Amino acid sequence: MEKKRILTVIPFTENQKKRLEEAAAGAELCFRDLQSITAEEVKRAEIILGNVPAEMVKEAERLEWLHLNSAGFDDYVKEGILREKTLLTNSSGAYGKAVSEHMFAMLLAMQKKLHLYRDLQRQHMWGDEGEVTSIADSVILVLETGDIGLHFAELAHALGAYVIGVKRTLAPCPDCMDELHVMSELDELLQRADSVVSFLPSTQETRGLFGKKRFALMKEGSFFLNGGRGDLICTEDLCDVLESGHLAGAALDVTSPEPLPKEHRIWDIPTAFITPHISGSYHLPETLRNVVSIAVENVRRYMAGEELKNLVKK
C-alpha cells in the first residue's frame, strides 16, 4: 500500500514532530515553512496541514484533506480552490484565550484612554484626557458565541459587565452571558450596548454588515471592536463616525483592506486603536500547542478511518 504524503507548514517543535510521526505511522512526512514550500510538494501531497496559500492548493490534484492552522477558512471555500472530494478542517478552539484576551485588553485600554495617553507620551506632553468609563455595569454585546466569544464573555462577566450574546440560531444561554439572541435582533440590541465586540467570520451574510446605518444605531459614546474579519465593516463609514465623535473609539485587529495602506485616514484618527491581525497568531505559546494538538488528533483519526474534528461544510 502506497504511503500517504503529508505536507505540513505548521511550525512543529521537535517533540511535536514526534507526536505527529506516531499519529501518522506509515505516512511520508514533509515539514516545511511557508517560505520554503514548492509548488511540486503541494501537488504531490495527499494531506496538507497548515495554511498553504490558496492559489497553490488549487493545483493540488491529489489532495484528500486540508487541515488549516487557522479558525478562519474563507480563502479556501471560494469556488475553484478545493475539489469536491477534498475534506476541509480547521483549528477552531485553539484561539479562544489568545484572541479574547487581546481584544479585552484593547477594550479596557480604550475605556481608560490609555491609547490616548500613549499618544501624549510620544509627544512628551503632560495632559489630561478627561472622563473615562468602567467595564463594571456596562452592557457588552458579543457577536459570535463560539470559543473566542465565550472566552471574551467570561472575562467581561467576571468584572461585572452585563453581557448579551448574539448567534445565528437560538440556544440555551451560557452562564457567562445574561442574555442570548439571534442575528435578526441585532439592530435593536445595538441601541442598548456600551460596547459591541465582533468575532464573526467572513460569510455572505456578514460582509459589510456594519456600515453607516448600523454605526448610527449604536449609542453615543459607545465602543466598537472587531477581532473576527475585516470585511464585516465599511472602514470609511467607521472613520466618519469616529471623526464625528458619535463613537468613543474603535479597536480593530482586522481591517478592510488588509493590510491597511499607509495613506489610509484611519491611521491618524486618535480614537482608532489598531493592531495588525496578530491576536490569533502564535505569540501566545499556548495557541501553537492547541493547534498542534488538534492537528495531531485529526491525523490519528484520519489514519484510523474515524470522523475528523472541526469539519468545514464547503
Foldseek 3Di string as FASTA:
>chain_A
DDAAEEEEQQPDDPVLVVLLCVLRPRHHYHYDHQVPDDLVSLLRHQEYEECRDQVSQLNNPNHQEYEYLALADVRQPPPSRDDPRHWYFYLFPLQQVLLLVVQLVVVVCLQVVVLVVVVCVVVVHDDDPDHGDDLAAFEEEEEDDGSNSVSNLQVSVVRHHAYEYEDQDDDDDDPSHPYYYYPVCVLVVQLRHLEYEYQDEDDPVQQQCAALVSLVSHAFAGEYEYLHEARSHDVVRVVVCLVVRSYSAYEYAYHVPPPDDPPDPLVVRSRYHYHRNDSRDCPPVSSSVSSSVLVSVQSSCVVVVHDHPRTDDD
